[in-house]
């Protein structure tokens, strides 16, 4: 599938965190609809994004969990439409997006 065939992401929660950037490097935010990190190309949230999110949401764990749950919902939608033949396991996405927080 080339970039012109990728499904258009829905207008769900906008992945704007973590906001920390160094110089001209892209932030460790997800690139939709693949949900890979813009900075390191690892599955988002990458280890660096997790660390930055913990710092950014320090003392507001509930807010972090709500933010991640909204992105989990959007990721499930995007990834299922991106590869309908590959089953996305909900528990794996939950572990990837929410349980670490």
PDB file of N, CA and C in Angstrom:
ATOM      1  N   UNK A   1       0.853  -1.170   0.000  1.00  0.00           N
ATOM      2  CA  UNK A   1       0.000   0.000   0.000  1.00  0.00           C
ATOM      3  C   UNK A   1       0.901   1.236   0.000  1.00  0.00           C
ATOM      4  N   UNK A   2       0.710   2.142  -0.955  1.00  0.00           N
ATOM      5  CA  UNK A   2       1.530   3.353  -0.958  1.00  0.00           C
ATOM      6  C   UNK A   2       0.824   4.475  -0.195  1.00  0.00           C
ATOM      7  N   UNK A   3       1.531   5.582  -0.024  1.00  0.00           N
ATOM      8  CA  UNK A   3       1.000   6.681   0.787  1.00  0.00           C
ATOM      9  C   UNK A   3      -0.292   7.263   0.235  1.00  0.00           C
ATOM     10  N   UNK A   4      -0.495   7.173  -1.070  1.00  0.00           N
ATOM     11  CA  UNK A   4      -1.719   7.718  -1.654  1.00  0.00           C
ATOM     12  C   UNK A   4      -2.930   6.845  -1.353  1.00  0.00           C
ATOM     13  N   UNK A   5      -2.708   5.622  -0.889  1.00  0.00           N
ATOM     14  CA  UNK A   5      -3.799   4.708  -0.594  1.00  0.00           C
ATOM     15  C   UNK A   5      -4.082   4.586   0.896  1.00  0.00           C
ATOM     16  N   UNK A   6      -3.318   5.287   1.736  1.00  0.00           N
ATOM     17  CA  UNK A   6      -3.547   5.186   3.172  1.00  0.00           C
ATOM     18  C   UNK A   6      -4.880   5.807   3.524  1.00  0.00           C
ATOM     19  N   UNK A   7      -5.597   5.187   4.468  1.00  0.00           N
ATOM     20  CA  UNK A   7      -6.886   5.759   4.865  1.00  0.00           C
ATOM     21  C   UNK A   7      -6.686   7.094   5.578  1.00  0.00           C
ATOM     22  N   UNK A   8      -7.636   7.974   5.421  1.00  0.00           N
ATOM     23  CA  UNK A   8      -7.605   9.273   6.080  1.00  0.00           C
ATOM     24  C   UNK A   8      -7.967   9.099   7.553  1.00  0.00           C
ATOM     25  N   UNK A   9      -7.121   9.589   8.472  1.00  0.00           N
ATOM     26  CA  UNK A   9      -7.457   9.480   9.895  1.00  0.00           C
ATOM     27  C   UNK A   9      -8.723  10.257  10.231  1.00  0.00           C
ATOM     28  N   UNK A  10      -9.426   9.777  11.227  1.00  0.00           N
ATOM     29  CA  UNK A  10     -10.636  10.464  11.688  1.00  0.00           C
ATOM     30  C   UNK A  10     -10.243  11.685  12.501  1.00  0.00           C
ATOM     31  N   UNK A  11     -11.211  12.475  12.855  1.00  0.00           N
ATOM     32  CA  UNK A  11     -10.971  13.687  13.630  1.00  0.00           C
ATOM     33  C   UNK A  11     -11.132  13.414  15.122  1.00  0.00           C
ATOM     34  N   UNK A  12     -10.460  12.394  15.613  1.00  0.00           N
ATOM     35  CA  UNK A  12     -10.492  12.075  17.040  1.00  0.00           C
ATOM     36  C   UNK A  12      -9.504  12.938  17.793  1.00  0.00           C
ATOM     37  N   UNK A  13      -9.115  12.536  18.986  1.00  0.00           N
ATOM     38  CA  UNK A  13      -8.145  13.316  19.755  1.00  0.00           C
ATOM     39  C   UNK A  13      -6.868  13.530  18.939  1.00  0.00           C
ATOM     40  N   UNK A  14      -6.391  14.745  18.918  1.00  0.00           N
ATOM     41  CA  UNK A  14      -5.182  15.058  18.167  1.00  0.00           C
ATOM     42  C   UNK A  14      -3.960  14.698  19.002  1.00  0.00           C
ATOM     43  N   UNK A  15      -3.051  13.881  18.467  1.00  0.00           N
ATOM     44  CA  UNK A  15      -1.872  13.479  19.235  1.00  0.00           C
ATOM     45  C   UNK A  15      -0.836  14.599  19.303  1.00  0.00           C
ATOM     46  N   UNK A  16      -0.949  15.452  20.292  1.00  0.00           N
ATOM     47  CA  UNK A  16      -0.067  16.614  20.395  1.00  0.00           C
ATOM     48  C   UNK A  16       0.957  16.503  21.523  1.00  0.00           C
ATOM     49  N   UNK A  17       0.942  15.424  22.261  1.00  0.00           N
ATOM     50  CA  UNK A  17       1.880  15.228  23.362  1.00  0.00           C
ATOM     51  C   UNK A  17       2.758  14.022  23.044  1.00  0.00           C
ATOM     52  N   UNK A  18       3.974  13.976  23.492  1.00  0.00           N
ATOM     53  CA  UNK A  18       4.690  14.975  24.286  1.00  0.00           C
ATOM     54  C   UNK A  18       5.093  16.166  23.421  1.00  0.00           C
ATOM     55  N   UNK A  19       5.155  17.315  24.035  1.00  0.00           N
ATOM     56  CA  UNK A  19       5.446  18.552  23.303  1.00  0.00           C
ATOM     57  C   UNK A  19       6.925  18.886  23.247  1.00  0.00           C
ATOM     58  N   UNK A  20       7.739  18.174  23.984  1.00  0.00           N
ATOM     59  CA  UNK A  20       9.166  18.458  24.063  1.00  0.00           C
ATOM     60  C   UNK A  20       9.852  18.198  22.721  1.00  0.00           C
ATOM     61  N   UNK A  21      10.614  19.186  22.244  1.00  0.00           N
ATOM     62  CA  UNK A  21      11.394  19.058  21.009  1.00  0.00           C
ATOM     63  C   UNK A  21      12.813  19.526  21.269  1.00  0.00           C
ATOM     64  N   UNK A  22      13.745  18.963  20.535  1.00  0.00           N
ATOM     65  CA  UNK A  22      15.138  19.378  20.617  1.00  0.00           C
ATOM     66  C   UNK A  22      15.550  19.881  19.242  1.00  0.00           C
ATOM     67  N   UNK A  23      15.856  21.159  19.151  1.00  0.00           N
ATOM     68  CA  UNK A  23      16.288  21.736  17.884  1.00  0.00           C
ATOM     69  C   UNK A  23      15.248  21.568  16.796  1.00  0.00           C
ATOM     70  N   UNK A  24      15.704  21.134  15.626  1.00  0.00           N
ATOM     71  CA  UNK A  24      14.815  20.938  14.482  1.00  0.00           C
ATOM     72  C   UNK A  24      14.292  19.515  14.376  1.00  0.00           C
ATOM     73  N   UNK A  25      14.589  18.687  15.360  1.00  0.00           N
ATOM     74  CA  UNK A  25      14.125  17.295  15.326  1.00  0.00           C
ATOM     75  C   UNK A  25      12.614  17.245  15.521  1.00  0.00           C
ATOM     76  N   UNK A  26      11.961  16.302  14.861  1.00  0.00           N
ATOM     77  CA  UNK A  26      10.512  16.177  15.081  1.00  0.00           C
ATOM     78  C   UNK A  26      10.229  15.674  16.494  1.00  0.00           C
ATOM     79  N   UNK A  27       9.071  15.999  17.035  1.00  0.00           N
ATOM     80  CA  UNK A  27       8.723  15.515  18.375  1.00  0.00           C
ATOM     81  C   UNK A  27       8.390  14.025  18.332  1.00  0.00           C
ATOM     82  N   UNK A  28       8.415  13.410  19.493  1.00  0.00           N
ATOM     83  CA  UNK A  28       8.057  11.987  19.601  1.00  0.00           C
ATOM     84  C   UNK A  28       6.543  11.852  19.685  1.00  0.00           C
ATOM     85  N   UNK A  29       5.872  12.298  18.632  1.00  0.00           N
ATOM     86  CA  UNK A  29       4.419  12.168  18.517  1.00  0.00           C
ATOM     87  C   UNK A  29       4.121  11.172  17.405  1.00  0.00           C
ATOM     88  N   UNK A  30       2.916  10.597  17.401  1.00  0.00           N
ATOM     89  CA  UNK A  30       2.618   9.570  16.403  1.00  0.00           C
ATOM     90  C   UNK A  30       2.292  10.151  15.032  1.00  0.00           C
ATOM     91  N   UNK A  31       2.673   9.410  14.025  1.00  0.00           N
ATOM     92  CA  UNK A  31       2.331   9.720  12.651  1.00  0.00           C
ATOM     93  C   UNK A  31       1.152   8.825  12.274  1.00  0.00           C
ATOM     94  N   UNK A  32       0.029   9.450  12.035  1.00  0.00           N
ATOM     95  CA  UNK A  32      -1.165   8.683  11.697  1.00  0.00           C
ATOM     96  C   UNK A  32      -1.268   8.489  10.199  1.00  0.00           C
ATOM     97  N   UNK A  33      -1.798   7.396   9.732  1.00  0.00           N
ATOM     98  CA  UNK A  33      -2.522   6.331  10.410  1.00  0.00           C
ATOM     99  C   UNK A  33      -1.657   5.144  10.819  1.00  0.00           C
ATOM    100  N   UNK A  34      -0.333   5.230  10.658  1.00  0.00           N
ATOM    101  CA  UNK A  34       0.521   4.077  10.976  1.00  0.00           C
ATOM    102  C   UNK A  34       0.872   3.987  12.456  1.00  0.00           C
ATOM    103  N   UNK A  35       0.744   5.073  13.187  1.00  0.00           N
ATOM    104  CA  UNK A  35       1.043   5.139  14.614  1.00  0.00           C
ATOM    105  C   UNK A  35       2.497   4.774  14.891  1.00  0.00           C
ATOM    106  N   UNK A  36       3.380   5.267  14.025  1.00  0.00           N
ATOM    107  CA  UNK A  36       4.820   5.173  14.251  1.00  0.00           C
ATOM    108  C   UNK A  36       5.289   6.530  14.767  1.00  0.00           C
ATOM    109  N   UNK A  37       6.337   6.539  15.541  1.00  0.00           N
ATOM    110  CA  UNK A  37       6.876   7.779  16.098  1.00  0.00           C
ATOM    111  C   UNK A  37       7.495   8.622  14.991  1.00  0.00           C
ATOM    112  N   UNK A  38       7.168   9.911  14.970  1.00  0.00           N
ATOM    113  CA  UNK A  38       7.729  10.829  13.972  1.00  0.00           C
ATOM    114  C   UNK A  38       9.243  10.968  14.105  1.00  0.00           C
ATOM    115  N   UNK A  39       9.753  10.836  15.311  1.00  0.00           N
ATOM    116  CA  UNK A  39      11.179  11.071  15.560  1.00  0.00           C
ATOM    117  C   UNK A  39      12.045   9.836  15.326  1.00  0.00           C
ATOM    118  N   UNK A  40      11.582   8.662  15.758  1.00  0.00           N
ATOM    119  CA  UNK A  40      12.439   7.470  15.709  1.00  0.00           C
ATOM    120  C   UNK A  40      11.842   6.306  14.922  1.00  0.00           C
ATOM    121  N   UNK A  41      10.642   6.456  14.412  1.00  0.00           N
ATOM    122  CA  UNK A  41       9.965   5.445  13.578  1.00  0.00           C
ATOM    123  C   UNK A  41       9.594   4.162  14.320  1.00  0.00           C
ATOM    124  N   UNK A  42       9.721   4.151  15.631  1.00  0.00           N
ATOM    125  CA  UNK A  42       9.310   2.991  16.430  1.00  0.00           C
ATOM    126  C   UNK A  42       7.795   3.043  16.625  1.00  0.00           C
ATOM    127  N   UNK A  43       7.162   1.922  16.973  1.00  0.00           N
ATOM    128  CA  UNK A  43       5.730   1.974  17.294  1.00  0.00           C
ATOM    129  C   UNK A  43       5.493   2.977  18.429  1.00  0.00           C
ATOM    130  N   UNK A  44       4.494   3.846  18.228  1.00  0.00           N
ATOM    131  CA  UNK A  44       4.204   4.870  19.224  1.00  0.00           C
ATOM    132  C   UNK A  44       3.234   4.336  20.267  1.00  0.00           C
ATOM    133  N   UNK A  45       3.413   4.658  21.539  1.00  0.00           N
ATOM    134  CA  UNK A  45       4.432   5.519  22.105  1.00  0.00           C
ATOM    135  C   UNK A  45       5.749   4.784  22.304  1.00  0.00           C
ATOM    136  N   UNK A  46       6.800   5.328  21.715  1.00  0.00           N
ATOM    137  CA  UNK A  46       8.140   4.757  21.860  1.00  0.00           C
ATOM    138  C   UNK A  46       8.622   4.998  23.293  1.00  0.00           C
ATOM    139  N   UNK A  47       9.741   4.439  23.642  1.00  0.00           N
ATOM    140  CA  UNK A  47      10.267   4.585  25.005  1.00  0.00           C
ATOM    141  C   UNK A  47      10.504   6.051  25.353  1.00  0.00           C
ATOM    142  N   UNK A  48      11.016   6.825  24.405  1.00  0.00           N
ATOM    143  CA  UNK A  48      11.260   8.253  24.651  1.00  0.00           C
ATOM    144  C   UNK A  48       9.934   8.999  24.862  1.00  0.00           C
ATOM    145  N   UNK A  49       8.929   8.688  24.055  1.00  0.00           N
ATOM    146  CA  UNK A  49       7.618   9.328  24.219  1.00  0.00           C
ATOM    147  C   UNK A  49       7.019   8.974  25.574  1.00  0.00           C
ATOM    148  N   UNK A  50       7.148   7.727  26.003  1.00  0.00           N
ATOM    149  CA  UNK A  50       6.621   7.333  27.305  1.00  0.00           C
ATOM    150  C   UNK A  50       7.279   8.132  28.421  1.00  0.00           C
ATOM    151  N   UNK A  51       8.589   8.274  28.350  1.00  0.00           N
ATOM    152  CA  UNK A  51       9.307   9.046  29.361  1.00  0.00           C
ATOM    153  C   UNK A  51       8.863  10.513  29.343  1.00  0.00           C
ATOM    154  N   UNK A  52       8.788  11.093  28.167  1.00  0.00           N
ATOM    155  CA  UNK A  52       8.387  12.497  28.057  1.00  0.00           C
ATOM    156  C   UNK A  52       6.940  12.706  28.505  1.00  0.00           C
ATOM    157  N   UNK A  53       6.075  11.753  28.197  1.00  0.00           N
ATOM    158  CA  UNK A  53       4.676  11.862  28.634  1.00  0.00           C
ATOM    159  C   UNK A  53       4.566  11.776  30.148  1.00  0.00           C
ATOM    160  N   UNK A  54       5.339  10.885  30.765  1.00  0.00           N
ATOM    161  CA  UNK A  54       5.330  10.791  32.233  1.00  0.00           C
ATOM    162  C   UNK A  54       5.744  12.120  32.865  1.00  0.00           C
ATOM    163  N   UNK A  55       6.765  12.744  32.302  1.00  0.00           N
ATOM    164  CA  UNK A  55       7.236  14.029  32.827  1.00  0.00           C
ATOM    165  C   UNK A  55       6.195  15.115  32.579  1.00  0.00           C
ATOM    166  N   UNK A  56       5.670  15.171  31.380  1.00  0.00           N
ATOM    167  CA  UNK A  56       4.706  16.221  31.026  1.00  0.00           C
ATOM    168  C   UNK A  56       3.415  16.136  31.834  1.00  0.00           C
ATOM    169  N   UNK A  57       2.987  14.925  32.141  1.00  0.00           N
ATOM    170  CA  UNK A  57       1.740  14.727  32.883  1.00  0.00           C
ATOM    171  C   UNK A  57       1.998  14.422  34.359  1.00  0.00           C
ATOM    172  N   UNK A  58       3.181  14.738  34.854  1.00  0.00           N
ATOM    173  CA  UNK A  58       3.507  14.452  36.247  1.00  0.00           C
ATOM    174  C   UNK A  58       2.454  15.065  37.180  1.00  0.00           C
ATOM    175  N   UNK A  59       1.955  14.238  38.087  1.00  0.00           N
ATOM    176  CA  UNK A  59       0.923  14.687  39.023  1.00  0.00           C
ATOM    177  C   UNK A  59      -0.473  14.690  38.432  1.00  0.00           C
ATOM    178  N   UNK A  60      -0.602  14.315  37.159  1.00  0.00           N
ATOM    179  CA  UNK A  60      -1.916  14.277  36.494  1.00  0.00           C
ATOM    180  C   UNK A  60      -2.077  12.945  35.761  1.00  0.00           C
ATOM    181  N   UNK A  61      -1.894  11.870  36.505  1.00  0.00           N
ATOM    182  CA  UNK A  61      -1.949  10.529  35.906  1.00  0.00           C
ATOM    183  C   UNK A  61      -3.291  10.260  35.237  1.00  0.00           C
ATOM    184  N   UNK A  62      -4.370  10.706  35.866  1.00  0.00           N
ATOM    185  CA  UNK A  62      -5.700  10.509  35.272  1.00  0.00           C
ATOM    186  C   UNK A  62      -5.791  11.174  33.906  1.00  0.00           C
ATOM    187  N   UNK A  63      -5.251  12.376  33.798  1.00  0.00           N
ATOM    188  CA  UNK A  63      -5.255  13.075  32.512  1.00  0.00           C
ATOM    189  C   UNK A  63      -4.462  12.325  31.463  1.00  0.00           C
ATOM    190  N   UNK A  64      -3.317  11.771  31.858  1.00  0.00           N
ATOM    191  CA  UNK A  64      -2.501  10.990  30.935  1.00  0.00           C
ATOM    192  C   UNK A  64      -3.256   9.752  30.475  1.00  0.00           C
ATOM    193  N   UNK A  65      -3.897   9.053  31.388  1.00  0.00           N
ATOM    194  CA  UNK A  65      -4.639   7.841  31.026  1.00  0.00           C
ATOM    195  C   UNK A  65      -5.811   8.153  30.094  1.00  0.00           C
ATOM    196  N   UNK A  66      -6.502   9.253  30.348  1.00  0.00           N
ATOM    197  CA  UNK A  66      -7.615   9.648  29.472  1.00  0.00           C
ATOM    198  C   UNK A  66      -7.093   9.996  28.082  1.00  0.00           C
ATOM    199  N   UNK A  67      -5.999  10.743  28.035  1.00  0.00           N
ATOM    200  CA  UNK A  67      -5.386  11.109  26.758  1.00  0.00           C
ATOM    201  C   UNK A  67      -4.986   9.851  25.978  1.00  0.00           C
ATOM    202  N   UNK A  68      -4.313   8.921  26.637  1.00  0.00           N
ATOM    203  CA  UNK A  68      -3.858   7.700  25.979  1.00  0.00           C
ATOM    204  C   UNK A  68      -5.025   6.810  25.557  1.00  0.00           C
ATOM    205  N   UNK A  69      -6.077   6.748  26.368  1.00  0.00           N
ATOM    206  CA  UNK A  69      -7.245   5.936  26.010  1.00  0.00           C
ATOM    207  C   UNK A  69      -7.913   6.483  24.742  1.00  0.00           C
ATOM    208  N   UNK A  70      -7.981   7.798  24.620  1.00  0.00           N
ATOM    209  CA  UNK A  70      -8.546   8.396  23.405  1.00  0.00           C
ATOM    210  C   UNK A  70      -7.710   8.063  22.182  1.00  0.00           C
ATOM    211  N   UNK A  71      -6.392   8.102  22.339  1.00  0.00           N
ATOM    212  CA  UNK A  71      -5.517   7.763  21.218  1.00  0.00           C
ATOM    213  C   UNK A  71      -5.563   6.273  20.909  1.00  0.00           C
ATOM    214  N   UNK A  72      -5.737   5.446  21.924  1.00  0.00           N
ATOM    215  CA  UNK A  72      -5.900   4.003  21.708  1.00  0.00           C
ATOM    216  C   UNK A  72      -7.109   3.740  20.819  1.00  0.00           C
ATOM    217  N   UNK A  73      -8.199   4.409  21.107  1.00  0.00           N
ATOM    218  CA  UNK A  73      -9.422   4.256  20.314  1.00  0.00           C
ATOM    219  C   UNK A  73      -9.165   4.632  18.858  1.00  0.00           C
ATOM    220  N   UNK A  74      -8.484   5.753  18.646  1.00  0.00           N
ATOM    221  CA  UNK A  74      -8.182   6.197  17.285  1.00  0.00           C
ATOM    222  C   UNK A  74      -7.211   5.240  16.595  1.00  0.00           C
ATOM    223  N   UNK A  75      -6.220   4.749  17.335  1.00  0.00           N
ATOM    224  CA  UNK A  75      -5.247   3.819  16.752  1.00  0.00           C
ATOM    225  C   UNK A  75      -5.921   2.519  16.328  1.00  0.00           C
ATOM    226  N   UNK A  76      -6.833   2.013  17.147  1.00  0.00           N
ATOM    227  CA  UNK A  76      -7.561   0.786  16.773  1.00  0.00           C
ATOM    228  C   UNK A  76      -8.284   0.993  15.448  1.00  0.00           C
ATOM    229  N   UNK A  77      -8.948   2.118  15.323  1.00  0.00           N
ATOM    230  CA  UNK A  77      -9.676   2.415  14.095  1.00  0.00           C
ATOM    231  C   UNK A  77      -8.722   2.507  12.910  1.00  0.00           C
ATOM    232  N   UNK A  78      -7.661   3.307  13.062  1.00  0.00           N
ATOM    233  CA  UNK A  78      -6.724   3.503  11.951  1.00  0.00           C
ATOM    234  C   UNK A  78      -6.045   2.200  11.545  1.00  0.00           C
ATOM    235  N   UNK A  79      -5.540   1.455  12.514  1.00  0.00           N
ATOM    236  CA  UNK A  79      -4.793   0.246  12.206  1.00  0.00           C
ATOM    237  C   UNK A  79      -5.675  -0.849  11.623  1.00  0.00           C
ATOM    238  N   UNK A  80      -6.914  -0.929  12.062  1.00  0.00           N
ATOM    239  CA  UNK A  80      -7.841  -1.921  11.484  1.00  0.00           C
ATOM    240  C   UNK A  80      -8.164  -1.583  10.035  1.00  0.00           C
ATOM    241  N   UNK A  81      -8.291  -0.295   9.733  1.00  0.00           N
ATOM    242  CA  UNK A  81      -8.562   0.106   8.355  1.00  0.00           C
ATOM    243  C   UNK A  81      -7.315   0.046   7.481  1.00  0.00           C
ATOM    244  N   UNK A  82      -6.155   0.219   8.077  1.00  0.00           N
ATOM    245  CA  UNK A  82      -4.904   0.175   7.342  1.00  0.00           C
ATOM    246  C   UNK A  82      -4.595  -1.249   6.889  1.00  0.00           C
ATOM    247  N   UNK A  83      -4.835  -2.219   7.764  1.00  0.00           N
ATOM    248  CA  UNK A  83      -4.578  -3.633   7.459  1.00  0.00           C
ATOM    249  C   UNK A  83      -5.768  -4.481   7.891  1.00  0.00           C
ATOM    250  N   UNK A  84      -6.849  -4.443   7.127  1.00  0.00           N
ATOM    251  CA  UNK A  84      -8.050  -5.180   7.543  1.00  0.00           C
ATOM    252  C   UNK A  84      -7.852  -6.690   7.622  1.00  0.00           C
ATOM    253  N   UNK A  85      -6.873  -7.229   6.895  1.00  0.00           N
ATOM    254  CA  UNK A  85      -6.641  -8.671   6.925  1.00  0.00           C
ATOM    255  C   UNK A  85      -5.837  -9.113   8.146  1.00  0.00           C
ATOM    256  N   UNK A  86      -5.085  -8.185   8.734  1.00  0.00           N
ATOM    257  CA  UNK A  86      -4.304  -8.494   9.936  1.00  0.00           C
ATOM    258  C   UNK A  86      -5.122  -8.106  11.157  1.00  0.00           C
ATOM    259  N   UNK A  87      -5.390  -9.074  12.003  1.00  0.00           N
ATOM    260  CA  UNK A  87      -6.145  -8.799  13.218  1.00  0.00           C
ATOM    261  C   UNK A  87      -5.293  -8.020  14.200  1.00  0.00           C
ATOM    262  N   UNK A  88      -5.770  -6.874  14.609  1.00  0.00           N
ATOM    263  CA  UNK A  88      -5.111  -6.099  15.651  1.00  0.00           C
ATOM    264  C   UNK A  88      -5.681  -6.589  16.972  1.00  0.00           C
ATOM    265  N   UNK A  89      -4.807  -7.098  17.825  1.00  0.00           N
ATOM    266  CA  UNK A  89      -5.253  -7.625  19.112  1.00  0.00           C
ATOM    267  C   UNK A  89      -5.477  -6.472  20.086  1.00  0.00           C
ATOM    268  N   UNK A  90      -6.714  -6.298  20.572  1.00  0.00           N
ATOM    269  CA  UNK A  90      -6.997  -5.185  21.480  1.00  0.00           C
ATOM    270  C   UNK A  90      -6.119  -5.168  22.720  1.00  0.00           C
ATOM    271  N   UNK A  91      -5.826  -6.342  23.291  1.00  0.00           N
ATOM    272  CA  UNK A  91      -5.009  -6.368  24.510  1.00  0.00           C
ATOM    273  C   UNK A  91      -3.581  -5.907  24.224  1.00  0.00           C
ATOM    274  N   UNK A  92      -3.073  -6.189  23.026  1.00  0.00           N
ATOM    275  CA  UNK A  92      -1.732  -5.736  22.671  1.00  0.00           C
ATOM    276  C   UNK A  92      -1.692  -4.218  22.519  1.00  0.00           C
ATOM    277  N   UNK A  93      -2.723  -3.660  21.899  1.00  0.00           N
ATOM    278  CA  UNK A  93      -2.782  -2.209  21.772  1.00  0.00           C
ATOM    279  C   UNK A  93      -2.990  -1.543  23.125  1.00  0.00           C
ATOM    280  N   UNK A  94      -3.783  -2.161  23.997  1.00  0.00           N
ATOM    281  CA  UNK A  94      -3.974  -1.607  25.344  1.00  0.00           C
ATOM    282  C   UNK A  94      -2.645  -1.573  26.081  1.00  0.00           C
ATOM    283  N   UNK A  95      -1.887  -2.667  25.993  1.00  0.00           N
ATOM    284  CA  UNK A  95      -0.570  -2.705  26.639  1.00  0.00           C
ATOM    285  C   UNK A  95       0.347  -1.633  26.049  1.00  0.00           C
ATOM    286  N   UNK A  96       0.322  -1.493  24.754  1.00  0.00           N
ATOM    287  CA  UNK A  96       1.176  -0.523  24.068  1.00  0.00           C
ATOM    288  C   UNK A  96       0.815   0.922  24.416  1.00  0.00           C
ATOM    289  N   UNK A  97      -0.477   1.220  24.481  1.00  0.00           N
ATOM    290  CA  UNK A  97      -0.915   2.611  24.658  1.00  0.00           C
ATOM    291  C   UNK A  97      -1.177   3.017  26.097  1.00  0.00           C
ATOM    292  N   UNK A  98      -1.735   2.129  26.901  1.00  0.00           N
ATOM    293  CA  UNK A  98      -2.257   2.573  28.198  1.00  0.00           C
ATOM    294  C   UNK A  98      -1.583   1.927  29.403  1.00  0.00           C
ATOM    295  N   UNK A  99      -1.375   0.626  29.388  1.00  0.00           N
ATOM    296  CA  UNK A  99      -0.982  -0.064  30.620  1.00  0.00           C
ATOM    297  C   UNK A  99       0.363   0.402  31.189  1.00  0.00           C
ATOM    298  N   UNK A 100       1.272   0.853  30.352  1.00  0.00           N
ATOM    299  CA  UNK A 100       2.570   1.311  30.844  1.00  0.00           C
ATOM    300  C   UNK A 100       2.446   2.555  31.725  1.00  0.00           C
ATOM    301  N   UNK A 101       1.376   3.324  31.515  1.00  0.00           N
ATOM    302  CA  UNK A 101       1.209   4.591  32.257  1.00  0.00           C
ATOM    303  C   UNK A 101       0.671   4.342  33.649  1.00  0.00           C
TER     304      UNK A 101
END
